[in-house]
Amino acid sequence: MARPKGYDPEEVVKRATYAFWQHGYQALGVRELERLTGLNQFALRSEFGGKEGLYLAALRFYSEQAISIAMEPMRDSGSIPEIIAFLRSLITDGSMTSSPYGCLVVNTGIENARVGSADLDKAARHYWDALENCFEACLQNALDAGRISTSTDIKAFAKGLVSAVMGVHAQNRLEGKNNAGRHLVDLLCEQLTAMETS
């Protein structure tokens, strides 16, 4: 009979998510990871396949939370106001998408330029593809409703918004403040409002 686990895998992933988000992937050693998650090295290997496996689990948890909750209003019936609300959430106290640590997915992309993990790259791209699809759907809804110009390049604009979101998170992380990227958010929201009213 298998011995019961002395830890809750879901709780470990939540703790690991916060630890990696705060400290980064490379800077967080295995011993410190053990201390912060309560997981020993044996369990880290057997349950998650090692440090990268735990990081991937944390990245999936973080991404799915953001996709299912923060992006939900933009799906299906979203339009320009929902994009603006999402952008504002990036710099709003108490928002799940606003943090002085930036965004775990943005941080992953930056670190992975050195690490070179195909798995980490795939996990990060899953998040950005989901966000781009949400932006594109909102813009298409606005176009179909006659609320923005028919000359708007929906795909290019959605890609640009994703790049801008990355920039907001990077600024938040750089300054260690959850609203450091507010100037870019203000600029984007003004542009979106002008698009809809012109």
N, C-alpha and C. Protein backbone atom coordinates (compact mmCIF):
# COMPACT_ATOMS: atom_id res chain seq x y z
N MET A 1 0.83 -1.19 0.00
CA MET A 1 0.00 0.00 0.00
C MET A 1 0.88 1.25 0.00
N ALA A 2 0.55 2.18 -0.90
CA ALA A 2 1.35 3.40 -1.02
C ALA A 2 1.20 4.28 0.21
N ARG A 3 2.31 4.86 0.61
CA ARG A 3 2.28 5.75 1.76
C ARG A 3 1.62 7.07 1.35
N PRO A 4 0.72 7.59 2.18
CA PRO A 4 0.06 8.85 1.81
C PRO A 4 1.06 10.00 1.72
N LYS A 5 0.80 10.93 0.82
CA LYS A 5 1.69 12.07 0.65
C LYS A 5 1.57 12.99 1.87
N GLY A 6 2.70 13.54 2.24
CA GLY A 6 2.72 14.47 3.35
C GLY A 6 2.55 15.91 2.90
N TYR A 7 2.02 16.10 1.69
CA TYR A 7 1.84 17.43 1.15
C TYR A 7 0.66 17.42 0.18
N ASP A 8 0.12 18.58 -0.08
CA ASP A 8 -0.98 18.75 -1.02
C ASP A 8 -0.38 19.30 -2.31
N PRO A 9 -0.34 18.52 -3.40
CA PRO A 9 0.29 18.99 -4.65
C PRO A 9 -0.25 20.32 -5.15
N GLU A 10 -1.55 20.53 -5.00
CA GLU A 10 -2.15 21.78 -5.47
C GLU A 10 -1.64 22.97 -4.65
N GLU A 11 -1.53 22.77 -3.35
CA GLU A 11 -1.02 23.83 -2.48
C GLU A 11 0.45 24.10 -2.77
N VAL A 12 1.20 23.05 -3.06
CA VAL A 12 2.62 23.21 -3.41
C VAL A 12 2.76 24.04 -4.67
N VAL A 13 1.92 23.77 -5.67
CA VAL A 13 1.97 24.53 -6.93
C VAL A 13 1.63 26.00 -6.68
N LYS A 14 0.65 26.26 -5.84
CA LYS A 14 0.30 27.66 -5.53
C LYS A 14 1.48 28.37 -4.86
N ARG A 15 2.11 27.70 -3.90
CA ARG A 15 3.26 28.30 -3.23
C ARG A 15 4.43 28.50 -4.19
N ALA A 16 4.64 27.51 -5.05
CA ALA A 16 5.72 27.61 -6.03
C ALA A 16 5.46 28.74 -7.02
N THR A 17 4.21 28.92 -7.40
CA THR A 17 3.86 30.00 -8.33
C THR A 17 4.29 31.34 -7.75
N TYR A 18 3.93 31.58 -6.50
CA TYR A 18 4.30 32.84 -5.87
C TYR A 18 5.81 32.96 -5.72
N ALA A 19 6.47 31.86 -5.36
CA ALA A 19 7.93 31.89 -5.17
C ALA A 19 8.65 32.21 -6.48
N PHE A 20 8.27 31.53 -7.56
CA PHE A 20 8.90 31.78 -8.85
C PHE A 20 8.57 33.19 -9.36
N TRP A 21 7.34 33.61 -9.15
CA TRP A 21 6.89 34.93 -9.57
C TRP A 21 7.73 36.01 -8.88
N GLN A 22 7.98 35.81 -7.61
CA GLN A 22 8.72 36.80 -6.83
C GLN A 22 10.23 36.76 -7.12
N HIS A 23 10.80 35.55 -7.16
CA HIS A 23 12.25 35.42 -7.23
C HIS A 23 12.81 35.10 -8.61
N GLY A 24 11.99 34.55 -9.50
CA GLY A 24 12.48 34.13 -10.80
C GLY A 24 12.85 32.66 -10.80
N TYR A 25 13.06 32.11 -11.96
CA TYR A 25 13.34 30.69 -12.11
C TYR A 25 14.80 30.35 -11.76
N GLN A 26 15.73 31.04 -12.40
CA GLN A 26 17.14 30.71 -12.21
C GLN A 26 17.66 31.08 -10.83
N ALA A 27 17.17 32.19 -10.29
CA ALA A 27 17.68 32.67 -9.00
C ALA A 27 17.20 31.82 -7.83
N LEU A 28 16.15 31.05 -8.03
CA LEU A 28 15.58 30.26 -6.93
C LEU A 28 16.19 28.87 -6.90
N GLY A 29 17.05 28.63 -5.92
CA GLY A 29 17.69 27.34 -5.78
C GLY A 29 16.75 26.29 -5.22
N VAL A 30 17.13 25.03 -5.35
CA VAL A 30 16.29 23.93 -4.91
C VAL A 30 16.05 23.97 -3.40
N ARG A 31 17.07 24.28 -2.63
CA ARG A 31 16.91 24.33 -1.17
C ARG A 31 15.94 25.44 -0.76
N GLU A 32 16.05 26.59 -1.40
CA GLU A 32 15.13 27.69 -1.10
C GLU A 32 13.72 27.33 -1.54
N LEU A 33 13.63 26.63 -2.66
CA LEU A 33 12.33 26.17 -3.16
C LEU A 33 11.69 25.19 -2.18
N GLU A 34 12.50 24.32 -1.62
CA GLU A 34 12.01 23.40 -0.57
C GLU A 34 11.44 24.17 0.60
N ARG A 35 12.18 25.19 1.03
CA ARG A 35 11.76 25.99 2.18
C ARG A 35 10.44 26.73 1.91
N LEU A 36 10.33 27.27 0.72
CA LEU A 36 9.16 28.09 0.39
C LEU A 36 7.92 27.27 0.07
N THR A 37 8.11 26.03 -0.39
CA THR A 37 6.96 25.20 -0.77
C THR A 37 6.66 24.08 0.21
N GLY A 38 7.64 23.71 1.05
CA GLY A 38 7.47 22.59 1.97
C GLY A 38 7.66 21.25 1.29
N LEU A 39 8.20 21.27 0.08
CA LEU A 39 8.41 20.04 -0.71
C LEU A 39 9.88 19.66 -0.63
N ASN A 40 10.18 18.38 -0.30
CA ASN A 40 11.58 17.97 -0.28
C ASN A 40 12.05 17.58 -1.68
N GLN A 41 13.36 17.38 -1.82
CA GLN A 41 13.94 17.12 -3.15
C GLN A 41 13.39 15.83 -3.77
N PHE A 42 13.18 14.82 -2.95
CA PHE A 42 12.66 13.55 -3.48
C PHE A 42 11.26 13.77 -4.06
N ALA A 43 10.41 14.44 -3.30
CA ALA A 43 9.05 14.70 -3.77
C ALA A 43 9.06 15.63 -4.98
N LEU A 44 9.98 16.57 -5.01
CA LEU A 44 10.11 17.48 -6.15
C LEU A 44 10.37 16.70 -7.43
N ARG A 45 11.26 15.69 -7.31
CA ARG A 45 11.58 14.86 -8.49
C ARG A 45 10.45 13.89 -8.82
N SER A 46 9.92 13.21 -7.80
CA SER A 46 8.91 12.17 -8.06
C SER A 46 7.56 12.74 -8.47
N GLU A 47 7.18 13.88 -7.90
CA GLU A 47 5.86 14.46 -8.19
C GLU A 47 5.88 15.33 -9.45
N PHE A 48 6.96 16.10 -9.62
CA PHE A 48 6.99 17.08 -10.70
C PHE A 48 8.11 16.87 -11.72
N GLY A 49 9.00 15.93 -11.47
CA GLY A 49 10.10 15.69 -12.40
C GLY A 49 11.25 16.66 -12.24
N GLY A 50 11.28 17.38 -11.12
CA GLY A 50 12.37 18.31 -10.87
C GLY A 50 11.90 19.76 -10.87
N LYS A 51 12.86 20.65 -10.78
CA LYS A 51 12.57 22.08 -10.65
C LYS A 51 11.82 22.61 -11.87
N GLU A 52 12.25 22.25 -13.07
CA GLU A 52 11.57 22.77 -14.26
C GLU A 52 10.14 22.24 -14.34
N GLY A 53 9.93 21.00 -13.93
CA GLY A 53 8.59 20.44 -13.94
C GLY A 53 7.67 21.19 -12.99
N LEU A 54 8.18 21.56 -11.81
CA LEU A 54 7.39 22.33 -10.87
C LEU A 54 7.12 23.73 -11.43
N TYR A 55 8.12 24.30 -12.08
CA TYR A 55 7.95 25.62 -12.68
C TYR A 55 6.88 25.59 -13.76
N LEU A 56 6.88 24.54 -14.58
CA LEU A 56 5.85 24.40 -15.61
C LEU A 56 4.46 24.26 -15.00
N ALA A 57 4.37 23.52 -13.91
CA ALA A 57 3.08 23.38 -13.21
C ALA A 57 2.62 24.72 -12.67
N ALA A 58 3.56 25.50 -12.13
CA ALA A 58 3.24 26.83 -11.61
C ALA A 58 2.80 27.75 -12.75
N LEU A 59 3.48 27.67 -13.86
CA LEU A 59 3.16 28.50 -15.02
C LEU A 59 1.78 28.14 -15.57
N ARG A 60 1.46 26.85 -15.59
CA ARG A 60 0.13 26.43 -16.05
C ARG A 60 -0.94 26.95 -15.10
N PHE A 61 -0.70 26.83 -13.81
CA PHE A 61 -1.67 27.32 -12.82
C PHE A 61 -1.89 28.81 -12.97
N TYR A 62 -0.82 29.56 -13.06
CA TYR A 62 -0.89 31.01 -13.21
C TYR A 62 -1.65 31.38 -14.49
N SER A 63 -1.28 30.74 -15.60
CA SER A 63 -1.90 31.05 -16.89
C SER A 63 -3.38 30.72 -16.91
N GLU A 64 -3.73 29.56 -16.42
CA GLU A 64 -5.14 29.15 -16.45
C GLU A 64 -6.00 30.03 -15.56
N GLN A 65 -5.46 30.50 -14.45
CA GLN A 65 -6.21 31.42 -13.60
C GLN A 65 -6.49 32.72 -14.35
N ALA A 66 -5.45 33.24 -15.00
CA ALA A 66 -5.61 34.50 -15.74
C ALA A 66 -6.54 34.32 -16.94
N ILE A 67 -6.40 33.21 -17.65
CA ILE A 67 -7.23 32.97 -18.84
C ILE A 67 -8.69 32.79 -18.46
N SER A 68 -8.93 32.01 -17.41
CA SER A 68 -10.32 31.69 -17.04
C SER A 68 -11.02 32.80 -16.28
N ILE A 69 -10.26 33.65 -15.59
CA ILE A 69 -10.88 34.70 -14.78
C ILE A 69 -10.66 36.09 -15.39
N ALA A 70 -9.41 36.51 -15.52
CA ALA A 70 -9.13 37.87 -15.97
C ALA A 70 -9.52 38.11 -17.43
N MET A 71 -9.37 37.10 -18.27
CA MET A 71 -9.70 37.27 -19.69
C MET A 71 -11.15 36.94 -20.01
N GLU A 72 -11.85 36.34 -19.08
CA GLU A 72 -13.21 35.85 -19.34
C GLU A 72 -14.16 36.93 -19.88
N PRO A 73 -14.16 38.16 -19.33
CA PRO A 73 -15.08 39.17 -19.85
C PRO A 73 -14.85 39.54 -21.32
N MET A 74 -13.64 39.29 -21.82
CA MET A 74 -13.34 39.64 -23.21
C MET A 74 -13.80 38.57 -24.19
N ARG A 75 -14.03 37.37 -23.71
CA ARG A 75 -14.41 36.28 -24.61
C ARG A 75 -15.86 36.42 -25.07
N ASP A 76 -16.14 35.90 -26.23
CA ASP A 76 -17.50 35.84 -26.81
C ASP A 76 -18.10 37.21 -27.10
N SER A 77 -18.61 37.90 -26.07
CA SER A 77 -19.36 39.14 -26.32
C SER A 77 -18.57 40.39 -25.98
N GLY A 78 -17.28 40.27 -25.72
CA GLY A 78 -16.46 41.43 -25.36
C GLY A 78 -16.29 42.40 -26.51
N SER A 79 -15.92 43.63 -26.17
CA SER A 79 -15.68 44.66 -27.18
C SER A 79 -14.63 45.63 -26.62
N ILE A 80 -14.61 46.85 -27.10
CA ILE A 80 -13.61 47.82 -26.67
C ILE A 80 -13.64 48.08 -25.16
N PRO A 81 -14.81 48.25 -24.53
CA PRO A 81 -14.82 48.49 -23.07
C PRO A 81 -14.18 47.37 -22.27
N GLU A 82 -14.32 46.13 -22.74
CA GLU A 82 -13.72 45.00 -22.03
C GLU A 82 -12.20 45.00 -22.18
N ILE A 83 -11.71 45.42 -23.34
CA ILE A 83 -10.25 45.54 -23.50
C ILE A 83 -9.73 46.62 -22.55
N ILE A 84 -10.41 47.76 -22.51
CA ILE A 84 -10.00 48.85 -21.63
C ILE A 84 -10.01 48.40 -20.17
N ALA A 85 -11.04 47.68 -19.77
CA ALA A 85 -11.12 47.19 -18.39
C ALA A 85 -9.96 46.25 -18.08
N PHE A 86 -9.61 45.37 -19.04
CA PHE A 86 -8.49 44.47 -18.84
C PHE A 86 -7.19 45.25 -18.68
N LEU A 87 -6.97 46.23 -19.54
CA LEU A 87 -5.75 47.03 -19.47
C LEU A 87 -5.67 47.78 -18.14
N ARG A 88 -6.78 48.34 -17.70
CA ARG A 88 -6.80 49.05 -16.42
C ARG A 88 -6.49 48.10 -15.26
N SER A 89 -6.92 46.84 -15.39
CA SER A 89 -6.68 45.87 -14.31
C SER A 89 -5.20 45.60 -14.10
N LEU A 90 -4.37 45.87 -15.11
CA LEU A 90 -2.93 45.63 -15.01
C LEU A 90 -2.25 46.55 -14.01
N ILE A 91 -2.93 47.66 -13.66
CA ILE A 91 -2.32 48.64 -12.76
C ILE A 91 -3.24 48.98 -11.59
N THR A 92 -4.21 48.11 -11.32
CA THR A 92 -5.20 48.37 -10.27
C THR A 92 -4.92 47.55 -9.02
N ASP A 93 -4.89 48.22 -7.88
CA ASP A 93 -4.69 47.53 -6.59
C ASP A 93 -5.74 46.43 -6.42
N GLY A 94 -5.29 45.26 -6.00
CA GLY A 94 -6.20 44.15 -5.73
C GLY A 94 -6.55 43.31 -6.95
N SER A 95 -6.14 43.73 -8.12
CA SER A 95 -6.41 42.96 -9.33
C SER A 95 -5.47 41.76 -9.42
N MET A 96 -5.97 40.63 -9.90
CA MET A 96 -5.12 39.44 -10.02
C MET A 96 -4.04 39.60 -11.09
N THR A 97 -4.21 40.59 -11.99
CA THR A 97 -3.22 40.79 -13.05
C THR A 97 -2.28 41.95 -12.77
N SER A 98 -2.35 42.51 -11.57
CA SER A 98 -1.50 43.64 -11.20
C SER A 98 -0.57 43.25 -10.06
N SER A 99 0.73 43.42 -10.28
CA SER A 99 1.69 43.01 -9.25
C SER A 99 3.00 43.77 -9.39
N PRO A 100 3.66 44.07 -8.27
CA PRO A 100 5.00 44.67 -8.36
C PRO A 100 6.04 43.69 -8.92
N TYR A 101 5.67 42.41 -9.01
CA TYR A 101 6.57 41.41 -9.59
C TYR A 101 6.36 41.28 -11.09
N GLY A 102 5.47 42.09 -11.66
CA GLY A 102 5.18 42.00 -13.08
C GLY A 102 4.27 40.82 -13.36
N CYS A 103 4.57 40.08 -14.39
CA CYS A 103 3.78 38.92 -14.82
C CYS A 103 4.70 37.71 -14.89
N LEU A 104 4.28 36.61 -14.33
CA LEU A 104 5.11 35.40 -14.35
C LEU A 104 5.42 34.97 -15.77
N VAL A 105 4.48 35.17 -16.69
CA VAL A 105 4.71 34.74 -18.07
C VAL A 105 5.71 35.66 -18.76
N VAL A 106 5.62 36.96 -18.53
CA VAL A 106 6.60 37.90 -19.09
C VAL A 106 7.98 37.58 -18.52
N ASN A 107 8.04 37.39 -17.21
CA ASN A 107 9.32 37.07 -16.57
C ASN A 107 9.91 35.78 -17.14
N THR A 108 9.04 34.82 -17.42
CA THR A 108 9.49 33.55 -18.00
C THR A 108 10.11 33.76 -19.37
N GLY A 109 9.45 34.56 -20.19
CA GLY A 109 9.97 34.83 -21.53
C GLY A 109 11.34 35.48 -21.48
N ILE A 110 11.52 36.42 -20.57
CA ILE A 110 12.81 37.11 -20.44
C ILE A 110 13.88 36.14 -19.97
N GLU A 111 13.57 35.36 -18.93
CA GLU A 111 14.55 34.39 -18.42
C GLU A 111 14.84 33.30 -19.43
N ASN A 112 13.82 32.88 -20.16
CA ASN A 112 14.00 31.76 -21.08
C ASN A 112 14.88 32.12 -22.28
N ALA A 113 15.11 33.41 -22.49
CA ALA A 113 16.07 33.81 -23.52
C ALA A 113 17.45 33.26 -23.17
N ARG A 114 17.72 33.09 -21.86
CA ARG A 114 18.99 32.50 -21.41
C ARG A 114 18.87 31.00 -21.20
N VAL A 115 17.74 30.56 -20.63
CA VAL A 115 17.56 29.14 -20.31
C VAL A 115 17.42 28.30 -21.57
N GLY A 116 16.60 28.77 -22.51
CA GLY A 116 16.42 28.08 -23.79
C GLY A 116 15.58 26.81 -23.70
N SER A 117 14.57 26.80 -22.83
CA SER A 117 13.71 25.62 -22.69
C SER A 117 12.53 25.69 -23.66
N ALA A 118 12.40 24.68 -24.50
CA ALA A 118 11.27 24.63 -25.44
C ALA A 118 9.95 24.50 -24.69
N ASP A 119 9.95 23.80 -23.57
CA ASP A 119 8.72 23.61 -22.79
C ASP A 119 8.26 24.93 -22.16
N LEU A 120 9.22 25.70 -21.63
CA LEU A 120 8.85 26.99 -21.05
C LEU A 120 8.35 27.95 -22.14
N ASP A 121 8.98 27.90 -23.29
CA ASP A 121 8.55 28.73 -24.41
C ASP A 121 7.12 28.38 -24.83
N LYS A 122 6.84 27.11 -24.92
CA LYS A 122 5.50 26.65 -25.31
C LYS A 122 4.44 27.10 -24.30
N ALA A 123 4.76 27.00 -23.01
CA ALA A 123 3.82 27.40 -21.96
C ALA A 123 3.55 28.90 -22.02
N ALA A 124 4.59 29.69 -22.25
CA ALA A 124 4.43 31.14 -22.33
C ALA A 124 3.61 31.51 -23.56
N ARG A 125 3.89 30.87 -24.68
CA ARG A 125 3.15 31.18 -25.91
C ARG A 125 1.67 30.82 -25.78
N HIS A 126 1.34 29.80 -25.03
CA HIS A 126 -0.06 29.43 -24.81
C HIS A 126 -0.81 30.60 -24.19
N TYR A 127 -0.19 31.26 -23.21
CA TYR A 127 -0.82 32.40 -22.54
C TYR A 127 -0.99 33.56 -23.50
N TRP A 128 0.07 33.91 -24.21
CA TRP A 128 0.00 35.08 -25.10
C TRP A 128 -0.95 34.83 -26.27
N ASP A 129 -1.02 33.61 -26.76
CA ASP A 129 -1.97 33.29 -27.82
C ASP A 129 -3.41 33.47 -27.33
N ALA A 130 -3.67 33.04 -26.09
CA ALA A 130 -5.01 33.20 -25.52
C ALA A 130 -5.38 34.67 -25.39
N LEU A 131 -4.43 35.49 -24.94
CA LEU A 131 -4.69 36.92 -24.79
C LEU A 131 -4.90 37.58 -26.15
N GLU A 132 -4.07 37.23 -27.10
CA GLU A 132 -4.21 37.79 -28.45
C GLU A 132 -5.57 37.43 -29.05
N ASN A 133 -5.99 36.19 -28.85
CA ASN A 133 -7.30 35.75 -29.36
C ASN A 133 -8.44 36.54 -28.73
N CYS A 134 -8.31 36.83 -27.42
CA CYS A 134 -9.34 37.63 -26.74
C CYS A 134 -9.39 39.05 -27.30
N PHE A 135 -8.23 39.66 -27.46
CA PHE A 135 -8.19 41.01 -28.03
C PHE A 135 -8.78 41.02 -29.44
N GLU A 136 -8.39 40.03 -30.23
CA GLU A 136 -8.88 39.96 -31.61
C GLU A 136 -10.39 39.79 -31.66
N ALA A 137 -10.93 38.95 -30.77
CA ALA A 137 -12.38 38.72 -30.74
C ALA A 137 -13.12 40.01 -30.36
N CYS A 138 -12.59 40.75 -29.38
CA CYS A 138 -13.21 42.01 -28.97
C CYS A 138 -13.19 43.03 -30.10
N LEU A 139 -12.07 43.14 -30.77
CA LEU A 139 -11.95 44.08 -31.88
C LEU A 139 -12.87 43.69 -33.03
N GLN A 140 -12.97 42.39 -33.28
CA GLN A 140 -13.87 41.92 -34.34
C GLN A 140 -15.33 42.22 -33.99
N ASN A 141 -15.69 42.04 -32.73
CA ASN A 141 -17.05 42.37 -32.29
C ASN A 141 -17.34 43.86 -32.48
N ALA A 142 -16.34 44.70 -32.16
CA ALA A 142 -16.51 46.14 -32.33
C ALA A 142 -16.64 46.49 -33.81
N LEU A 143 -15.87 45.83 -34.64
CA LEU A 143 -15.93 46.05 -36.09
C LEU A 143 -17.29 45.62 -36.64
N ASP A 144 -17.74 44.45 -36.23
CA ASP A 144 -19.04 43.93 -36.70
C ASP A 144 -20.19 44.82 -36.27
N ALA A 145 -20.04 45.48 -35.12
CA ALA A 145 -21.10 46.36 -34.61
C ALA A 145 -20.99 47.78 -35.18
N GLY A 146 -20.00 48.00 -36.03
CA GLY A 146 -19.82 49.32 -36.63
C GLY A 146 -19.27 50.36 -35.68
N ARG A 147 -18.58 49.90 -34.64
CA ARG A 147 -18.09 50.83 -33.61
C ARG A 147 -16.66 51.29 -33.86
N ILE A 148 -15.94 50.60 -34.76
CA ILE A 148 -14.61 51.05 -35.15
C ILE A 148 -14.52 51.01 -36.67
N SER A 149 -13.53 51.67 -37.20
CA SER A 149 -13.37 51.79 -38.64
C SER A 149 -13.12 50.44 -39.31
N THR A 150 -13.68 50.28 -40.48
CA THR A 150 -13.48 49.04 -41.25
C THR A 150 -12.04 48.92 -41.75
N SER A 151 -11.28 50.00 -41.67
CA SER A 151 -9.88 49.96 -42.11
C SER A 151 -8.95 49.44 -41.01
N THR A 152 -9.50 49.18 -39.83
CA THR A 152 -8.68 48.69 -38.70
C THR A 152 -8.14 47.30 -39.00
N ASP A 153 -6.84 47.15 -38.87
CA ASP A 153 -6.20 45.84 -39.05
C ASP A 153 -6.30 45.10 -37.71
N ILE A 154 -7.35 44.29 -37.59
CA ILE A 154 -7.66 43.63 -36.32
C ILE A 154 -6.50 42.78 -35.80
N LYS A 155 -5.93 41.95 -36.66
CA LYS A 155 -4.86 41.05 -36.23
C LYS A 155 -3.63 41.82 -35.76
N ALA A 156 -3.24 42.83 -36.52
CA ALA A 156 -2.06 43.62 -36.15
C ALA A 156 -2.29 44.38 -34.85
N PHE A 157 -3.50 44.92 -34.69
CA PHE A 157 -3.81 45.68 -33.47
C PHE A 157 -3.79 44.75 -32.26
N ALA A 158 -4.34 43.56 -32.39
CA ALA A 158 -4.34 42.60 -31.28
C ALA A 158 -2.92 42.22 -30.89
N LYS A 159 -2.06 42.00 -31.88
CA LYS A 159 -0.66 41.68 -31.59
C LYS A 159 0.03 42.85 -30.88
N GLY A 160 -0.28 44.06 -31.32
CA GLY A 160 0.30 45.24 -30.69
C GLY A 160 -0.13 45.39 -29.25
N LEU A 161 -1.39 45.09 -28.97
CA LEU A 161 -1.88 45.15 -27.59
C LEU A 161 -1.17 44.14 -26.71
N VAL A 162 -0.90 42.95 -27.24
CA VAL A 162 -0.17 41.94 -26.46
C VAL A 162 1.22 42.46 -26.12
N SER A 163 1.90 43.03 -27.09
CA SER A 163 3.23 43.59 -26.84
C SER A 163 3.17 44.69 -25.79
N ALA A 164 2.12 45.50 -25.85
CA ALA A 164 1.96 46.58 -24.87
C ALA A 164 1.73 46.03 -23.47
N VAL A 165 0.93 44.97 -23.36
CA VAL A 165 0.71 44.33 -22.05
C VAL A 165 2.03 43.83 -21.48
N MET A 166 2.86 43.24 -22.33
CA MET A 166 4.18 42.79 -21.88
C MET A 166 4.98 43.98 -21.33
N GLY A 167 4.90 45.12 -22.03
CA GLY A 167 5.62 46.30 -21.60
C GLY A 167 5.14 46.84 -20.26
N VAL A 168 3.84 46.82 -20.04
CA VAL A 168 3.27 47.28 -18.76
C VAL A 168 3.80 46.41 -17.62
N HIS A 169 3.75 45.10 -17.82
CA HIS A 169 4.24 44.19 -16.78
C HIS A 169 5.73 44.36 -16.53
N ALA A 170 6.49 44.54 -17.61
CA ALA A 170 7.94 44.73 -17.46
C ALA A 170 8.24 46.00 -16.67
N GLN A 171 7.48 47.07 -16.93
CA GLN A 171 7.67 48.32 -16.20
C GLN A 171 7.31 48.15 -14.73
N ASN A 172 6.21 47.44 -14.46
CA ASN A 172 5.83 47.17 -13.06
C ASN A 172 6.94 46.43 -12.33
N ARG A 173 7.50 45.41 -12.98
CA ARG A 173 8.58 44.62 -12.37
C ARG A 173 9.83 45.46 -12.16
N LEU A 174 10.17 46.25 -13.16
CA LEU A 174 11.38 47.06 -13.11
C LEU A 174 11.34 48.04 -11.94
N GLU A 175 10.18 48.67 -11.74
CA GLU A 175 10.06 49.67 -10.68
C GLU A 175 9.56 49.08 -9.36
N GLY A 176 9.14 47.81 -9.38
CA GLY A 176 8.65 47.17 -8.16
C GLY A 176 7.36 47.77 -7.65
N LYS A 177 6.53 48.27 -8.60
CA LYS A 177 5.24 48.86 -8.24
C LYS A 177 4.18 48.30 -9.18
N ASN A 178 3.00 48.03 -8.66
CA ASN A 178 1.97 47.40 -9.49
C ASN A 178 1.30 48.39 -10.45
N ASN A 179 1.64 49.67 -10.34
CA ASN A 179 1.04 50.66 -11.25
C ASN A 179 2.08 51.46 -12.02
N ALA A 180 3.30 50.96 -12.10
CA ALA A 180 4.37 51.69 -12.77
C ALA A 180 4.08 51.87 -14.27
N GLY A 181 3.34 50.95 -14.85
CA GLY A 181 3.04 51.02 -16.28
C GLY A 181 1.81 51.82 -16.62
N ARG A 182 1.35 52.65 -15.69
CA ARG A 182 0.08 53.37 -15.88
C ARG A 182 0.11 54.31 -17.08
N HIS A 183 1.27 54.91 -17.40
CA HIS A 183 1.33 55.85 -18.52
C HIS A 183 1.03 55.16 -19.84
N LEU A 184 1.55 53.96 -20.00
CA LEU A 184 1.27 53.19 -21.21
C LEU A 184 -0.19 52.75 -21.24
N VAL A 185 -0.71 52.34 -20.11
CA VAL A 185 -2.13 51.95 -20.05
C VAL A 185 -3.02 53.15 -20.40
N ASP A 186 -2.71 54.31 -19.85
CA ASP A 186 -3.50 55.51 -20.16
C ASP A 186 -3.48 55.81 -21.66
N LEU A 187 -2.30 55.72 -22.24
CA LEU A 187 -2.15 55.98 -23.67
C LEU A 187 -2.98 55.02 -24.51
N LEU A 188 -2.91 53.73 -24.17
CA LEU A 188 -3.66 52.71 -24.91
C LEU A 188 -5.17 52.92 -24.77
N CYS A 189 -5.60 53.22 -23.56
CA CYS A 189 -7.04 53.40 -23.33
C CYS A 189 -7.57 54.63 -24.06
N GLU A 190 -6.77 55.68 -24.10
CA GLU A 190 -7.16 56.87 -24.85
C GLU A 190 -7.29 56.56 -26.33
N GLN A 191 -6.35 55.78 -26.85
CA GLN A 191 -6.40 55.41 -28.27
C GLN A 191 -7.61 54.55 -28.58
N LEU A 192 -7.89 53.59 -27.71
CA LEU A 192 -9.05 52.72 -27.92
C LEU A 192 -10.37 53.49 -27.86
N THR A 193 -10.44 54.42 -26.92
CA THR A 193 -11.65 55.25 -26.80
C THR A 193 -11.83 56.12 -28.04
N ALA A 194 -10.73 56.69 -28.52
CA ALA A 194 -10.77 57.53 -29.72
C ALA A 194 -11.17 56.71 -30.95
N MET A 195 -10.69 55.48 -31.03
CA MET A 195 -11.06 54.60 -32.14
C MET A 195 -12.56 54.37 -32.20
N GLU A 196 -13.13 54.19 -31.01
CA GLU A 196 -14.54 53.83 -30.93
C GLU A 196 -15.44 55.02 -31.19
N THR A 197 -14.97 56.21 -30.92
CA THR A 197 -15.82 57.39 -31.06
C THR A 197 -15.60 58.15 -32.36
N SER A 198 -14.54 57.81 -33.08
CA SER A 198 -14.23 58.56 -34.31
C SER A 198 -15.11 58.13 -35.47
